[in-house]
């Protein structure tokens, strides 16, 4: 296992040493917003709020895309978005706020109301959380840590990993949904493990 720790440590240092292209925060946010609008353009939410018109503003090159987005799409609290949109996803409808059918719903703790709330969790969302986790691991290259550290497990503390099947979807803690979708290569390091 000492070889594995050495390889991981060197791999993390190598990855971190690669030059990262700098982009301004505004450009990064603009790019992200554009990609989200393109991806969700043909959903019911995207059609209703005319994402295609907002996307046309991106071609103009100025900040009018932001004004168009802000004017077209109102702020939704949980009750409004659930009542208008998410309840349809819970019933198994496809392409409501995100392309495809939602297969996982995280249950909130219900802090603002008595009942738990169902938060849709998409494949893209779990991938984004995984990418962020990998970036956190890459920051280890900034420290002169012993090689043995890279051979040990990573403690992930969260809620229950038990997911309940409810018809056409699963519900449970977000951490449980994430644990169910861990990449195979990471499962060796994940502690306490799925069980």
Protein backbone atom coordinates (compact mmCIF):
# COMPACT_ATOMS: atom_id res chain seq x y z
CA UNK A 1 0.00 0.00 0.00
CA UNK A 2 2.98 2.36 0.44
CA UNK A 3 3.24 2.56 -3.35
CA UNK A 4 -0.41 3.63 -3.61
CA UNK A 5 0.09 6.45 -1.08
CA UNK A 6 3.19 7.69 -2.89
CA UNK A 7 1.42 7.63 -6.26
CA UNK A 8 -1.62 9.47 -4.92
CA UNK A 9 0.50 12.13 -3.24
CA UNK A 10 2.55 12.71 -6.41
CA UNK A 11 -0.58 12.69 -8.59
CA UNK A 12 -2.25 15.34 -6.43
CA UNK A 13 0.86 17.53 -6.49
CA UNK A 14 1.17 17.17 -10.27
CA UNK A 15 -2.49 18.02 -10.87
CA UNK A 16 -2.27 21.07 -8.61
CA UNK A 17 0.89 22.30 -10.33
CA UNK A 18 -0.77 22.48 -13.74
CA UNK A 19 -1.49 26.04 -14.75
CA UNK A 20 -5.11 26.99 -14.23
CA UNK A 21 -6.58 29.51 -16.63
CA UNK A 22 -7.84 32.62 -14.85
CA UNK A 23 -11.28 33.96 -15.64
CA UNK A 24 -13.02 36.85 -13.99
CA UNK A 25 -15.90 35.95 -11.65
CA UNK A 26 -18.37 37.74 -13.96
CA UNK A 27 -17.20 35.69 -16.95
CA UNK A 28 -17.40 32.44 -14.99
CA UNK A 29 -20.93 33.25 -13.79
CA UNK A 30 -22.00 34.32 -17.27
CA UNK A 31 -20.68 31.08 -18.76
CA UNK A 32 -22.39 29.00 -16.05
CA UNK A 33 -25.72 30.80 -16.48
CA UNK A 34 -25.57 30.34 -20.25
CA UNK A 35 -24.85 26.61 -19.92
CA UNK A 36 -27.70 26.15 -17.43
CA UNK A 37 -30.14 28.02 -19.68
CA UNK A 38 -29.09 25.99 -22.73
CA UNK A 39 -29.42 22.73 -20.80
CA UNK A 40 -32.86 23.58 -19.37
CA UNK A 41 -34.17 25.45 -22.42
CA UNK A 42 -36.61 22.70 -23.46
CA UNK A 43 -37.97 21.99 -19.97
CA UNK A 44 -41.44 23.18 -19.01
CA UNK A 45 -39.84 25.78 -16.75
CA UNK A 46 -37.54 26.94 -19.57
CA UNK A 47 -40.38 27.24 -22.06
CA UNK A 48 -42.62 29.05 -19.59
CA UNK A 49 -39.94 31.62 -18.75
CA UNK A 50 -38.74 31.86 -22.37
CA UNK A 51 -35.13 30.84 -21.86
CA UNK A 52 -34.60 31.08 -25.63
CA UNK A 53 -35.16 34.86 -25.49
CA UNK A 54 -32.65 35.25 -22.65
CA UNK A 55 -30.14 33.18 -24.61
CA UNK A 56 -30.49 35.58 -27.56
CA UNK A 57 -29.23 38.36 -25.27
CA UNK A 58 -25.94 36.49 -24.79
CA UNK A 59 -25.14 37.15 -28.44
CA UNK A 60 -25.28 40.92 -27.89
CA UNK A 61 -22.08 40.79 -25.81
CA UNK A 62 -23.23 43.25 -23.17
CA UNK A 63 -24.85 42.68 -19.78
CA UNK A 64 -28.42 42.73 -21.14
CA UNK A 65 -28.59 38.96 -20.60
CA UNK A 66 -28.51 39.56 -16.86
CA UNK A 67 -31.32 42.13 -16.98
CA UNK A 68 -33.40 39.84 -19.21
CA UNK A 69 -32.88 36.92 -16.83
CA UNK A 70 -33.74 39.01 -13.77
CA UNK A 71 -36.88 40.43 -15.36
CA UNK A 72 -38.14 37.13 -16.79
CA UNK A 73 -37.72 34.80 -13.84
CA UNK A 74 -39.16 35.70 -10.44
CA UNK A 75 -37.55 34.56 -7.22
CA UNK A 76 -39.23 31.39 -5.95
CA UNK A 77 -39.38 30.28 -2.35
CA UNK A 78 -39.77 26.57 -1.68
CA UNK A 79 -43.57 26.65 -1.43
CA UNK A 80 -43.96 28.49 -4.74
CA UNK A 81 -41.58 26.32 -6.75
CA UNK A 82 -43.04 23.16 -5.23
CA UNK A 83 -46.64 24.25 -5.92
CA UNK A 84 -45.90 25.45 -9.46
CA UNK A 85 -43.29 22.90 -10.61
CA UNK A 86 -41.64 20.34 -8.34
CA UNK A 87 -44.83 18.50 -7.37
CA UNK A 88 -45.02 17.40 -11.01
CA UNK A 89 -41.53 15.87 -10.78
CA UNK A 90 -42.58 13.97 -7.66
CA UNK A 91 -45.44 12.48 -9.67
CA UNK A 92 -42.94 11.20 -12.26
CA UNK A 93 -43.33 13.88 -14.96
CA UNK A 94 -40.23 14.46 -17.11
CA UNK A 95 -38.56 17.71 -18.17
CA UNK A 96 -40.16 19.95 -15.57
CA UNK A 97 -37.33 22.16 -14.24
CA UNK A 98 -34.46 19.98 -15.48
CA UNK A 99 -34.19 17.60 -18.44
CA UNK A 100 -35.27 14.03 -17.82
CA UNK A 101 -37.00 12.40 -14.87
CA UNK A 102 -35.84 13.15 -11.33
CA UNK A 103 -34.93 9.86 -9.63
CA UNK A 104 -33.75 11.20 -6.26
CA UNK A 105 -35.26 13.66 -3.81
CA UNK A 106 -33.42 14.84 -0.72
CA UNK A 107 -35.55 15.37 2.35
CA UNK A 108 -34.91 18.61 4.18
CA UNK A 109 -34.97 18.83 7.94
CA UNK A 110 -38.17 20.87 7.72
CA UNK A 111 -36.75 23.74 9.75
CA UNK A 112 -39.10 26.42 8.43
CA UNK A 113 -42.21 24.24 8.59
CA UNK A 114 -43.21 21.02 10.28
CA UNK A 115 -43.06 18.80 7.19
CA UNK A 116 -39.94 17.66 5.37
CA UNK A 117 -39.47 19.18 1.96
CA UNK A 118 -38.53 17.26 -1.18
CA UNK A 119 -35.55 18.79 -2.99
CA UNK A 120 -34.92 17.34 -6.48
CA UNK A 121 -31.41 15.93 -6.92
CA UNK A 122 -30.19 15.48 -10.50
CA UNK A 123 -27.26 13.47 -11.85
CA UNK A 124 -25.58 16.75 -12.77
CA UNK A 125 -25.94 18.00 -9.22
CA UNK A 126 -24.32 14.91 -7.72
CA UNK A 127 -21.49 15.18 -10.28
CA UNK A 128 -20.93 18.83 -9.31
CA UNK A 129 -20.73 17.85 -5.63
CA UNK A 130 -18.23 15.10 -6.53
CA UNK A 131 -16.10 17.56 -8.54
CA UNK A 132 -16.03 19.91 -5.57
CA UNK A 133 -14.98 17.05 -3.29
CA UNK A 134 -12.11 16.17 -5.64
CA UNK A 135 -11.02 19.83 -5.68
CA UNK A 136 -10.91 19.76 -1.89
CA UNK A 137 -8.71 16.66 -2.00
CA UNK A 138 -6.41 18.41 -4.49
CA UNK A 139 -5.77 21.18 -1.96
CA UNK A 140 -3.82 18.62 0.08
CA UNK A 141 -0.89 19.32 -2.27
CA UNK A 142 -0.41 22.65 -0.48
CA UNK A 143 0.71 20.81 2.67
CA UNK A 144 3.73 18.63 3.26
CA UNK A 145 1.81 15.60 4.50
CA UNK A 146 3.19 12.15 5.18
CA UNK A 147 2.67 9.59 2.40
CA UNK A 148 0.81 7.29 4.82
CA UNK A 149 -2.01 9.83 5.03
CA UNK A 150 -2.81 9.15 1.37
CA UNK A 151 -3.26 5.44 2.09
CA UNK A 152 -5.86 5.91 4.81
CA UNK A 153 -9.60 6.36 4.53
CA UNK A 154 -11.55 9.58 4.32
CA UNK A 155 -14.20 10.00 7.00
CA UNK A 156 -17.42 11.34 5.53
CA UNK A 157 -19.87 12.28 8.24
CA UNK A 158 -23.44 12.74 7.17
CA UNK A 159 -26.96 11.53 7.62
CA UNK A 160 -28.38 8.11 6.93
CA UNK A 161 -27.37 6.34 3.74
CA UNK A 162 -30.71 4.52 3.69
CA UNK A 163 -32.89 5.59 0.77
CA UNK A 164 -36.61 4.83 0.62
CA UNK A 165 -38.19 3.92 -2.69
CA UNK A 166 -41.40 5.88 -3.27
CA UNK A 167 -42.91 4.70 -6.53
CA UNK A 168 -40.71 6.06 -9.30
CA UNK A 169 -38.11 7.83 -7.12
CA UNK A 170 -35.90 7.44 -4.05
CA UNK A 171 -35.92 9.81 -1.09
CA UNK A 172 -33.52 10.31 1.79
CA UNK A 173 -30.68 12.47 3.11
CA UNK A 174 -28.55 14.23 0.52
CA UNK A 175 -25.47 12.55 2.00
CA UNK A 176 -27.15 9.17 1.52
CA UNK A 177 -27.89 9.97 -2.12
CA UNK A 178 -24.26 11.04 -2.60
CA UNK A 179 -22.95 7.87 -0.93
CA UNK A 180 -25.12 5.75 -3.24
CA UNK A 181 -23.51 7.43 -6.26
CA UNK A 182 -19.84 7.41 -5.19
CA UNK A 183 -17.42 6.55 -8.01
CA UNK A 184 -16.03 3.03 -7.73
CA UNK A 185 -12.44 4.23 -7.34
CA UNK A 186 -13.34 6.27 -4.24
CA UNK A 187 -15.21 3.54 -2.39
CA UNK A 188 -11.96 2.03 -1.04
CA UNK A 189 -11.18 5.29 0.81
CA UNK A 190 -14.72 6.17 1.94
CA UNK A 191 -15.24 5.54 5.67
CA UNK A 192 -17.39 4.30 7.38
CA UNK A 193 -18.62 2.80 4.06
CA UNK A 194 -22.07 2.38 2.57
CA UNK A 195 -23.23 -0.16 5.16
